[in-house]
Every structure is written in C-alpha cells, then in structure tokens.
Amino acid sequence: MAEIRVTRGADVEHLLSRFEVTVDEGGTSTHHSVTISSSDHERLGANHPTPEAFIRACFEFLLEREPKESILPAFDVSEIAGYFPEFERRIQGL
C-alpha cells in the first residue's frame, strides 16, 4: 500500500493553493506539485475535513487507476476529470 504525504505549500495567489505530494511505494518515491482553486475545493472537497485530506483522497483515487509513476508531476485538481470522468462524482462521495 502506498504512503501518501501531503504538505501545503505557499498559496500561488489568493484563490489558488499549492500542495507538494510524495508517494512512497515499493521502495521508490514520486513527487508531485498539485494546485487547487478555492472554488474547486469548496465544490469537490466539502466531505473532507482539510484541504490536505482532500488532496490525499485525490491521490488515493488516482492510485486505484494507475501506478504512481503515471501520475503527472504537476497538475491542477480540475484536470483529473479530463482523464477520469467519474472523478468528481466519486470524490464527492455521490
């Protein structure tokens, strides 16, 4: 099972936050820089206690579908639905 570490970085701008994510699994690690807008967090992350917990849930979703090495090194959460149309429904728990 993968260990996912999420660290909140500096806000890129008032409405956009950046997170640094490390995924450790099988003796190797990948590093990712993830952004999310405050509106996407409000809309998609309402069922998660913190922004960090929401980002962790996003990575759990991704890791169920692809190996950590296939996850882009830098992306915005809004891009996930373009690859996995069920993302928004699943991450909201619907």
PDB file of N, CA and C in Angstrom:
ATOM      1  N   MET A   1       0.846  -1.188   0.000  1.00  0.00           N
ATOM      2  CA  MET A   1       0.000   0.000   0.000  1.00  0.00           C
ATOM      3  C   MET A   1       0.886   1.244   0.000  1.00  0.00           C
ATOM      4  N   ALA A   2       0.500   2.220  -0.741  1.00  0.00           N
ATOM      5  CA  ALA A   2       1.284   3.445  -0.895  1.00  0.00           C
ATOM      6  C   ALA A   2       1.131   4.341   0.322  1.00  0.00           C
ATOM      7  N   GLU A   3       2.219   4.995   0.674  1.00  0.00           N
ATOM      8  CA  GLU A   3       2.179   6.047   1.693  1.00  0.00           C
ATOM      9  C   GLU A   3       2.138   7.377   0.946  1.00  0.00           C
ATOM     10  N   ILE A   4       1.132   8.191   1.279  1.00  0.00           N
ATOM     11  CA  ILE A   4       0.936   9.481   0.613  1.00  0.00           C
ATOM     12  C   ILE A   4       1.177  10.582   1.634  1.00  0.00           C
ATOM     13  N   ARG A   5       2.160  11.435   1.367  1.00  0.00           N
ATOM     14  CA  ARG A   5       2.441  12.583   2.245  1.00  0.00           C
ATOM     15  C   ARG A   5       2.086  13.861   1.508  1.00  0.00           C
ATOM     16  N   VAL A   6       1.269  14.677   2.160  1.00  0.00           N
ATOM     17  CA  VAL A   6       0.801  15.932   1.561  1.00  0.00           C
ATOM     18  C   VAL A   6       1.278  17.080   2.436  1.00  0.00           C
ATOM     19  N   THR A   7       1.945  18.038   1.813  1.00  0.00           N
ATOM     20  CA  THR A   7       2.411  19.238   2.510  1.00  0.00           C
ATOM     21  C   THR A   7       1.860  20.447   1.787  1.00  0.00           C
ATOM     22  N   ARG A   8       1.259  21.337   2.544  1.00  0.00           N
ATOM     23  CA  ARG A   8       0.725  22.546   1.918  1.00  0.00           C
ATOM     24  C   ARG A   8       1.857  23.517   1.645  1.00  0.00           C
ATOM     25  N   GLY A   9       1.938  23.957   0.405  1.00  0.00           N
ATOM     26  CA  GLY A   9       2.923  24.953   0.021  1.00  0.00           C
ATOM     27  C   GLY A   9       2.324  26.337   0.150  1.00  0.00           C
ATOM     28  N   ALA A  10       3.043  27.303  -0.315  1.00  0.00           N
ATOM     29  CA  ALA A  10       2.551  28.680  -0.287  1.00  0.00           C
ATOM     30  C   ALA A  10       1.412  28.826  -1.281  1.00  0.00           C
ATOM     31  N   ASP A  11       0.453  29.676  -0.936  1.00  0.00           N
ATOM     32  CA  ASP A  11      -0.612  29.967  -1.885  1.00  0.00           C
ATOM     33  C   ASP A  11      -0.004  30.651  -3.101  1.00  0.00           C
ATOM     34  N   VAL A  12      -0.402  30.189  -4.269  1.00  0.00           N
ATOM     35  CA  VAL A  12       0.097  30.750  -5.515  1.00  0.00           C
ATOM     36  C   VAL A  12      -0.485  32.144  -5.707  1.00  0.00           C
ATOM     37  N   GLU A  13      -1.744  32.260  -5.440  1.00  0.00           N
ATOM     38  CA  GLU A  13      -2.438  33.537  -5.428  1.00  0.00           C
ATOM     39  C   GLU A  13      -3.594  33.367  -4.459  1.00  0.00           C
ATOM     40  N   HIS A  14      -4.325  34.384  -4.207  1.00  0.00           N
ATOM     41  CA  HIS A  14      -5.365  34.350  -3.174  1.00  0.00           C
ATOM     42  C   HIS A  14      -6.358  33.204  -3.365  1.00  0.00           C
ATOM     43  N   LEU A  15      -6.684  32.862  -4.591  1.00  0.00           N
ATOM     44  CA  LEU A  15      -7.712  31.852  -4.847  1.00  0.00           C
ATOM     45  C   LEU A  15      -7.153  30.492  -5.259  1.00  0.00           C
ATOM     46  N   LEU A  16      -5.852  30.305  -5.156  1.00  0.00           N
ATOM     47  CA  LEU A  16      -5.223  29.071  -5.614  1.00  0.00           C
ATOM     48  C   LEU A  16      -4.189  28.611  -4.589  1.00  0.00           C
ATOM     49  N   SER A  17      -4.268  27.340  -4.182  1.00  0.00           N
ATOM     50  CA  SER A  17      -3.313  26.780  -3.224  1.00  0.00           C
ATOM     51  C   SER A  17      -2.483  25.704  -3.900  1.00  0.00           C
ATOM     52  N   ARG A  18      -1.245  25.561  -3.432  1.00  0.00           N
ATOM     53  CA  ARG A  18      -0.324  24.553  -3.970  1.00  0.00           C
ATOM     54  C   ARG A  18       0.005  23.549  -2.861  1.00  0.00           C
ATOM     55  N   PHE A  19       0.092  22.283  -3.259  1.00  0.00           N
ATOM     56  CA  PHE A  19       0.453  21.209  -2.341  1.00  0.00           C
ATOM     57  C   PHE A  19       1.575  20.403  -2.958  1.00  0.00           C
ATOM     58  N   GLU A  20       2.485  19.968  -2.114  1.00  0.00           N
ATOM     59  CA  GLU A  20       3.554  19.066  -2.536  1.00  0.00           C
ATOM     60  C   GLU A  20       3.188  17.689  -2.008  1.00  0.00           C
ATOM     61  N   VAL A  21       3.209  16.701  -2.894  1.00  0.00           N
ATOM     62  CA  VAL A  21       2.785  15.349  -2.545  1.00  0.00           C
ATOM     63  C   VAL A  21       3.914  14.379  -2.872  1.00  0.00           C
ATOM     64  N   THR A  22       4.197  13.505  -1.915  1.00  0.00           N
ATOM     65  CA  THR A  22       5.159  12.431  -2.125  1.00  0.00           C
ATOM     66  C   THR A  22       4.422  11.110  -1.966  1.00  0.00           C
ATOM     67  N   VAL A  23       4.612  10.222  -2.916  1.00  0.00           N
ATOM     68  CA  VAL A  23       4.017   8.892  -2.855  1.00  0.00           C
ATOM     69  C   VAL A  23       5.162   7.886  -2.748  1.00  0.00           C
ATOM     70  N   ASP A  24       5.194   7.139  -1.636  1.00  0.00           N
ATOM     71  CA  ASP A  24       6.196   6.099  -1.409  1.00  0.00           C
ATOM     72  C   ASP A  24       5.522   4.743  -1.557  1.00  0.00           C
ATOM     73  N   GLU A  25       6.105   3.908  -2.408  1.00  0.00           N
ATOM     74  CA  GLU A  25       5.555   2.569  -2.602  1.00  0.00           C
ATOM     75  C   GLU A  25       6.596   1.706  -3.286  1.00  0.00           C
ATOM     76  N   GLY A  26       6.735   0.500  -2.818  1.00  0.00           N
ATOM     77  CA  GLY A  26       7.646  -0.443  -3.462  1.00  0.00           C
ATOM     78  C   GLY A  26       9.097  -0.008  -3.449  1.00  0.00           C
ATOM     79  N   GLY A  27       9.493   0.755  -2.438  1.00  0.00           N
ATOM     80  CA  GLY A  27      10.878   1.178  -2.317  1.00  0.00           C
ATOM     81  C   GLY A  27      11.259   2.385  -3.168  1.00  0.00           C
ATOM     82  N   THR A  28      10.285   2.959  -3.882  1.00  0.00           N
ATOM     83  CA  THR A  28      10.562   4.158  -4.673  1.00  0.00           C
ATOM     84  C   THR A  28       9.547   5.245  -4.341  1.00  0.00           C
ATOM     85  N   SER A  29       9.889   6.463  -4.699  1.00  0.00           N
ATOM     86  CA  SER A  29       9.028   7.613  -4.425  1.00  0.00           C
ATOM     87  C   SER A  29       8.806   8.428  -5.684  1.00  0.00           C
ATOM     88  N   THR A  30       7.643   9.072  -5.736  1.00  0.00           N
ATOM     89  CA  THR A  30       7.382  10.072  -6.767  1.00  0.00           C
ATOM     90  C   THR A  30       6.987  11.359  -6.064  1.00  0.00           C
ATOM     91  N   HIS A  31       7.216  12.473  -6.730  1.00  0.00           N
ATOM     92  CA  HIS A  31       6.921  13.783  -6.161  1.00  0.00           C
ATOM     93  C   HIS A  31       6.030  14.539  -7.134  1.00  0.00           C
ATOM     94  N   HIS A  32       5.045  15.230  -6.565  1.00  0.00           N
ATOM     95  CA  HIS A  32       4.045  15.905  -7.381  1.00  0.00           C
ATOM     96  C   HIS A  32       3.738  17.275  -6.783  1.00  0.00           C
ATOM     97  N   SER A  33       3.507  18.227  -7.647  1.00  0.00           N
ATOM     98  CA  SER A  33       3.081  19.560  -7.244  1.00  0.00           C
ATOM     99  C   SER A  33       1.650  19.732  -7.754  1.00  0.00           C
ATOM    100  N   VAL A  34       0.720  19.967  -6.828  1.00  0.00           N
ATOM    101  CA  VAL A  34      -0.699  19.993  -7.162  1.00  0.00           C
ATOM    102  C   VAL A  34      -1.296  21.332  -6.733  1.00  0.00           C
ATOM    103  N   THR A  35      -2.072  21.919  -7.617  1.00  0.00           N
ATOM    104  CA  THR A  35      -2.792  23.146  -7.255  1.00  0.00           C
ATOM    105  C   THR A  35      -4.285  22.858  -7.233  1.00  0.00           C
ATOM    106  N   ILE A  36      -4.981  23.698  -6.473  1.00  0.00           N
ATOM    107  CA  ILE A  36      -6.442  23.624  -6.418  1.00  0.00           C
ATOM    108  C   ILE A  36      -6.975  25.016  -6.140  1.00  0.00           C
ATOM    109  N   SER A  37      -8.028  25.374  -6.845  1.00  0.00           N
ATOM    110  CA  SER A  37      -8.659  26.676  -6.602  1.00  0.00           C
ATOM    111  C   SER A  37      -9.565  26.556  -5.389  1.00  0.00           C
ATOM    112  N   SER A  38      -9.813  27.660  -4.743  1.00  0.00           N
ATOM    113  CA  SER A  38     -10.710  27.642  -3.581  1.00  0.00           C
ATOM    114  C   SER A  38     -12.115  27.232  -3.992  1.00  0.00           C
ATOM    115  N   SER A  39     -12.553  27.609  -5.196  1.00  0.00           N
ATOM    116  CA  SER A  39     -13.897  27.224  -5.643  1.00  0.00           C
ATOM    117  C   SER A  39     -13.983  25.719  -5.892  1.00  0.00           C
ATOM    118  N   ASP A  40     -12.938  25.107  -6.476  1.00  0.00           N
ATOM    119  CA  ASP A  40     -12.947  23.657  -6.664  1.00  0.00           C
ATOM    120  C   ASP A  40     -12.909  22.938  -5.318  1.00  0.00           C
ATOM    121  N   HIS A  41     -12.143  23.469  -4.378  1.00  0.00           N
ATOM    122  CA  HIS A  41     -12.111  22.824  -3.055  1.00  0.00           C
ATOM    123  C   HIS A  41     -13.481  22.900  -2.385  1.00  0.00           C
ATOM    124  N   GLU A  42     -14.127  24.039  -2.461  1.00  0.00           N
ATOM    125  CA  GLU A  42     -15.467  24.172  -1.875  1.00  0.00           C
ATOM    126  C   GLU A  42     -16.458  23.231  -2.544  1.00  0.00           C
ATOM    127  N   ARG A  43     -16.374  23.105  -3.852  1.00  0.00           N
ATOM    128  CA  ARG A  43     -17.317  22.291  -4.613  1.00  0.00           C
ATOM    129  C   ARG A  43     -17.041  20.797  -4.474  1.00  0.00           C
ATOM    130  N   LEU A  44     -15.784  20.403  -4.531  1.00  0.00           N
ATOM    131  CA  LEU A  44     -15.438  18.981  -4.550  1.00  0.00           C
ATOM    132  C   LEU A  44     -14.985  18.429  -3.207  1.00  0.00           C
ATOM    133  N   GLY A  45     -14.440  19.282  -2.361  1.00  0.00           N
ATOM    134  CA  GLY A  45     -13.822  18.795  -1.130  1.00  0.00           C
ATOM    135  C   GLY A  45     -14.626  18.968   0.135  1.00  0.00           C
ATOM    136  N   ALA A  46     -15.901  19.268   0.007  1.00  0.00           N
ATOM    137  CA  ALA A  46     -16.732  19.544   1.188  1.00  0.00           C
ATOM    138  C   ALA A  46     -16.801  18.371   2.158  1.00  0.00           C
ATOM    139  N   ASN A  47     -16.659  17.140   1.677  1.00  0.00           N
ATOM    140  CA  ASN A  47     -16.748  15.965   2.544  1.00  0.00           C
ATOM    141  C   ASN A  47     -15.424  15.602   3.196  1.00  0.00           C
ATOM    142  N   HIS A  48     -14.416  16.426   3.031  1.00  0.00           N
ATOM    143  CA  HIS A  48     -13.088  16.144   3.578  1.00  0.00           C
ATOM    144  C   HIS A  48     -12.757  17.213   4.622  1.00  0.00           C
ATOM    145  N   PRO A  49     -12.196  16.801   5.773  1.00  0.00           N
ATOM    146  CA  PRO A  49     -12.005  17.746   6.884  1.00  0.00           C
ATOM    147  C   PRO A  49     -11.000  18.866   6.636  1.00  0.00           C
ATOM    148  N   THR A  50     -10.018  18.624   5.776  1.00  0.00           N
ATOM    149  CA  THR A  50      -8.993  19.636   5.496  1.00  0.00           C
ATOM    150  C   THR A  50      -8.635  19.581   4.012  1.00  0.00           C
ATOM    151  N   PRO A  51      -8.041  20.638   3.486  1.00  0.00           N
ATOM    152  CA  PRO A  51      -7.562  20.583   2.098  1.00  0.00           C
ATOM    153  C   PRO A  51      -6.541  19.461   1.892  1.00  0.00           C
ATOM    154  N   GLU A  52      -5.686  19.236   2.886  1.00  0.00           N
ATOM    155  CA  GLU A  52      -4.695  18.167   2.778  1.00  0.00           C
ATOM    156  C   GLU A  52      -5.371  16.794   2.666  1.00  0.00           C
ATOM    157  N   ALA A  53      -6.433  16.576   3.453  1.00  0.00           N
ATOM    158  CA  ALA A  53      -7.178  15.314   3.384  1.00  0.00           C
ATOM    159  C   ALA A  53      -7.825  15.155   2.013  1.00  0.00           C
ATOM    160  N   PHE A  54      -8.306  16.245   1.446  1.00  0.00           N
ATOM    161  CA  PHE A  54      -8.900  16.193   0.111  1.00  0.00           C
ATOM    162  C   PHE A  54      -7.861  15.810  -0.940  1.00  0.00           C
ATOM    163  N   ILE A  55      -6.687  16.427  -0.886  1.00  0.00           N
ATOM    164  CA  ILE A  55      -5.620  16.108  -1.843  1.00  0.00           C
ATOM    165  C   ILE A  55      -5.200  14.650  -1.682  1.00  0.00           C
ATOM    166  N   ARG A  56      -5.109  14.175  -0.448  1.00  0.00           N
ATOM    167  CA  ARG A  56      -4.781  12.761  -0.209  1.00  0.00           C
ATOM    168  C   ARG A  56      -5.836  11.860  -0.872  1.00  0.00           C
ATOM    169  N   ALA A  57      -7.120  12.211  -0.715  1.00  0.00           N
ATOM    170  CA  ALA A  57      -8.201  11.432  -1.332  1.00  0.00           C
ATOM    171  C   ALA A  57      -8.082  11.451  -2.858  1.00  0.00           C
ATOM    172  N   CYS A  58      -7.673  12.570  -3.414  1.00  0.00           N
ATOM    173  CA  CYS A  58      -7.461  12.642  -4.868  1.00  0.00           C
ATOM    174  C   CYS A  58      -6.386  11.648  -5.297  1.00  0.00           C
ATOM    175  N   PHE A  59      -5.307  11.556  -4.528  1.00  0.00           N
ATOM    176  CA  PHE A  59      -4.233  10.627  -4.870  1.00  0.00           C
ATOM    177  C   PHE A  59      -4.657   9.181  -4.653  1.00  0.00           C
ATOM    178  N   GLU A  60      -5.446   8.914  -3.642  1.00  0.00           N
ATOM    179  CA  GLU A  60      -5.965   7.557  -3.458  1.00  0.00           C
ATOM    180  C   GLU A  60      -6.809   7.161  -4.669  1.00  0.00           C
ATOM    181  N   PHE A  61      -7.636   8.089  -5.134  1.00  0.00           N
ATOM    182  CA  PHE A  61      -8.442   7.858  -6.339  1.00  0.00           C
ATOM    183  C   PHE A  61      -7.529   7.542  -7.525  1.00  0.00           C
ATOM    184  N   LEU A  62      -6.515   8.367  -7.745  1.00  0.00           N
ATOM    185  CA  LEU A  62      -5.617   8.167  -8.877  1.00  0.00           C
ATOM    186  C   LEU A  62      -4.867   6.839  -8.770  1.00  0.00           C
ATOM    187  N   LEU A  63      -4.400   6.502  -7.582  1.00  0.00           N
ATOM    188  CA  LEU A  63      -3.611   5.279  -7.405  1.00  0.00           C
ATOM    189  C   LEU A  63      -4.442   4.016  -7.579  1.00  0.00           C
ATOM    190  N   GLU A  64      -5.752   4.120  -7.454  1.00  0.00           N
ATOM    191  CA  GLU A  64      -6.625   2.982  -7.743  1.00  0.00           C
ATOM    192  C   GLU A  64      -6.680   2.717  -9.248  1.00  0.00           C
ATOM    193  N   ARG A  65      -6.273   3.690 -10.052  1.00  0.00           N
ATOM    194  CA  ARG A  65      -6.428   3.608 -11.500  1.00  0.00           C
ATOM    195  C   ARG A  65      -5.121   3.550 -12.283  1.00  0.00           C
ATOM    196  N   GLU A  66      -4.028   3.980 -11.649  1.00  0.00           N
ATOM    197  CA  GLU A  66      -2.758   3.997 -12.369  1.00  0.00           C
ATOM    198  C   GLU A  66      -1.597   3.953 -11.380  1.00  0.00           C
ATOM    199  N   PRO A  67      -0.434   3.499 -11.840  1.00  0.00           N
ATOM    200  CA  PRO A  67       0.735   3.488 -10.956  1.00  0.00           C
ATOM    201  C   PRO A  67       1.210   4.912 -10.658  1.00  0.00           C
ATOM    202  N   LYS A  68       1.875   5.072  -9.548  1.00  0.00           N
ATOM    203  CA  LYS A  68       2.332   6.406  -9.127  1.00  0.00           C
ATOM    204  C   LYS A  68       3.200   7.076 -10.172  1.00  0.00           C
ATOM    205  N   GLU A  69       3.943   6.288 -10.933  1.00  0.00           N
ATOM    206  CA  GLU A  69       4.822   6.844 -11.962  1.00  0.00           C
ATOM    207  C   GLU A  69       4.042   7.452 -13.128  1.00  0.00           C
ATOM    208  N   SER A  70       2.777   7.084 -13.279  1.00  0.00           N
ATOM    209  CA  SER A  70       1.952   7.622 -14.364  1.00  0.00           C
ATOM    210  C   SER A  70       1.248   8.919 -13.982  1.00  0.00           C
ATOM    211  N   ILE A  71       1.257   9.252 -12.698  1.00  0.00           N
ATOM    212  CA  ILE A  71       0.626  10.499 -12.254  1.00  0.00           C
ATOM    213  C   ILE A  71       1.533  11.660 -12.642  1.00  0.00           C
ATOM    214  N   LEU A  72       0.936  12.668 -13.249  1.00  0.00           N
ATOM    215  CA  LEU A  72       1.715  13.827 -13.708  1.00  0.00           C
ATOM    216  C   LEU A  72       2.499  14.457 -12.565  1.00  0.00           C
ATOM    217  N   PRO A  73       3.691  14.963 -12.832  1.00  0.00           N
ATOM    218  CA  PRO A  73       4.493  15.592 -11.769  1.00  0.00           C
ATOM    219  C   PRO A  73       3.916  16.926 -11.293  1.00  0.00           C
ATOM    220  N   ALA A  74       3.134  17.589 -12.133  1.00  0.00           N
ATOM    221  CA  ALA A  74       2.500  18.856 -11.759  1.00  0.00           C
ATOM    222  C   ALA A  74       1.156  18.951 -12.463  1.00  0.00           C
ATOM    223  N   PHE A  75       0.101  19.262 -11.705  1.00  0.00           N
ATOM    224  CA  PHE A  75      -1.232  19.383 -12.295  1.00  0.00           C
ATOM    225  C   PHE A  75      -2.164  20.112 -11.344  1.00  0.00           C
ATOM    226  N   ASP A  76      -3.294  20.541 -11.880  1.00  0.00           N
ATOM    227  CA  ASP A  76      -4.354  21.126 -11.075  1.00  0.00           C
ATOM    228  C   ASP A  76      -5.434  20.057 -10.895  1.00  0.00           C
ATOM    229  N   VAL A  77      -6.061  20.028  -9.736  1.00  0.00           N
ATOM    230  CA  VAL A  77      -7.093  19.035  -9.441  1.00  0.00           C
ATOM    231  C   VAL A  77      -8.186  19.040 -10.511  1.00  0.00           C
ATOM    232  N   SER A  78      -8.483  20.186 -11.083  1.00  0.00           N
ATOM    233  CA  SER A  78      -9.532  20.268 -12.104  1.00  0.00           C
ATOM    234  C   SER A  78      -9.224  19.423 -13.341  1.00  0.00           C
ATOM    235  N   GLU A  79      -7.956  19.055 -13.557  1.00  0.00           N
ATOM    236  CA  GLU A  79      -7.564  18.262 -14.716  1.00  0.00           C
ATOM    237  C   GLU A  79      -7.908  16.777 -14.571  1.00  0.00           C
ATOM    238  N   ILE A  80      -8.109  16.305 -13.347  1.00  0.00           N
ATOM    239  CA  ILE A  80      -8.317  14.868 -13.127  1.00  0.00           C
ATOM    240  C   ILE A  80      -9.549  14.366 -13.872  1.00  0.00           C
ATOM    241  N   ALA A  81     -10.637  15.133 -13.841  1.00  0.00           N
ATOM    242  CA  ALA A  81     -11.877  14.702 -14.500  1.00  0.00           C
ATOM    243  C   ALA A  81     -11.702  14.555 -16.008  1.00  0.00           C
ATOM    244  N   GLY A  82     -10.743  15.236 -16.597  1.00  0.00           N
ATOM    245  CA  GLY A  82     -10.479  15.080 -18.018  1.00  0.00           C
ATOM    246  C   GLY A  82      -9.931  13.696 -18.363  1.00  0.00           C
ATOM    247  N   TYR A  83      -9.251  13.076 -17.417  1.00  0.00           N
ATOM    248  CA  TYR A  83      -8.714  11.730 -17.606  1.00  0.00           C
ATOM    249  C   TYR A  83      -9.669  10.660 -17.072  1.00  0.00           C
ATOM    250  N   PHE A  84     -10.381  11.010 -15.992  1.00  0.00           N
ATOM    251  CA  PHE A  84     -11.277  10.064 -15.325  1.00  0.00           C
ATOM    252  C   PHE A  84     -12.614  10.755 -15.090  1.00  0.00           C
ATOM    253  N   PRO A  85     -13.569  10.609 -16.012  1.00  0.00           N
ATOM    254  CA  PRO A  85     -14.845  11.330 -15.928  1.00  0.00           C
ATOM    255  C   PRO A  85     -15.624  11.088 -14.636  1.00  0.00           C
ATOM    256  N   GLU A  86     -15.408   9.958 -13.987  1.00  0.00           N
ATOM    257  CA  GLU A  86     -16.130   9.657 -12.745  1.00  0.00           C
ATOM    258  C   GLU A  86     -15.538  10.346 -11.519  1.00  0.00           C
ATOM    259  N   PHE A  87     -14.424  11.067 -11.692  1.00  0.00           N
ATOM    260  CA  PHE A  87     -13.708  11.652 -10.554  1.00  0.00           C
ATOM    261  C   PHE A  87     -14.575  12.525  -9.662  1.00  0.00           C
ATOM    262  N   GLU A  88     -15.244  13.505 -10.235  1.00  0.00           N
ATOM    263  CA  GLU A  88     -15.979  14.461  -9.399  1.00  0.00           C
ATOM    264  C   GLU A  88     -17.073  13.775  -8.595  1.00  0.00           C
ATOM    265  N   ARG A  89     -17.794  12.874  -9.212  1.00  0.00           N
ATOM    266  CA  ARG A  89     -18.854  12.149  -8.506  1.00  0.00           C
ATOM    267  C   ARG A  89     -18.263  11.299  -7.379  1.00  0.00           C
ATOM    268  N   ARG A  90     -17.177  10.602  -7.674  1.00  0.00           N
ATOM    269  CA  ARG A  90     -16.548   9.718  -6.667  1.00  0.00           C
ATOM    270  C   ARG A  90     -15.932  10.500  -5.520  1.00  0.00           C
ATOM    271  N   ILE A  91     -15.253  11.609  -5.829  1.00  0.00           N
ATOM    272  CA  ILE A  91     -14.546  12.348  -4.780  1.00  0.00           C
ATOM    273  C   ILE A  91     -15.533  13.061  -3.856  1.00  0.00           C
ATOM    274  N   GLN A  92     -16.722  13.360  -4.381  1.00  0.00           N
ATOM    275  CA  GLN A  92     -17.767  13.978  -3.569  1.00  0.00           C
ATOM    276  C   GLN A  92     -18.548  12.931  -2.779  1.00  0.00           C
ATOM    277  N   GLY A  93     -18.298  11.672  -3.059  1.00  0.00           N
ATOM    278  CA  GLY A  93     -18.990  10.600  -2.357  1.00  0.00           C
ATOM    279  C   GLY A  93     -20.408  10.383  -2.842  1.00  0.00           C
ATOM    280  N   LEU A  94     -20.705  10.782  -4.073  1.00  0.00           N
ATOM    281  CA  LEU A  94     -22.063  10.629  -4.611  1.00  0.00           C
ATOM    282  C   LEU A  94     -22.254   9.264  -5.251  1.00  0.00           C
TER     283      LEU A  94
END
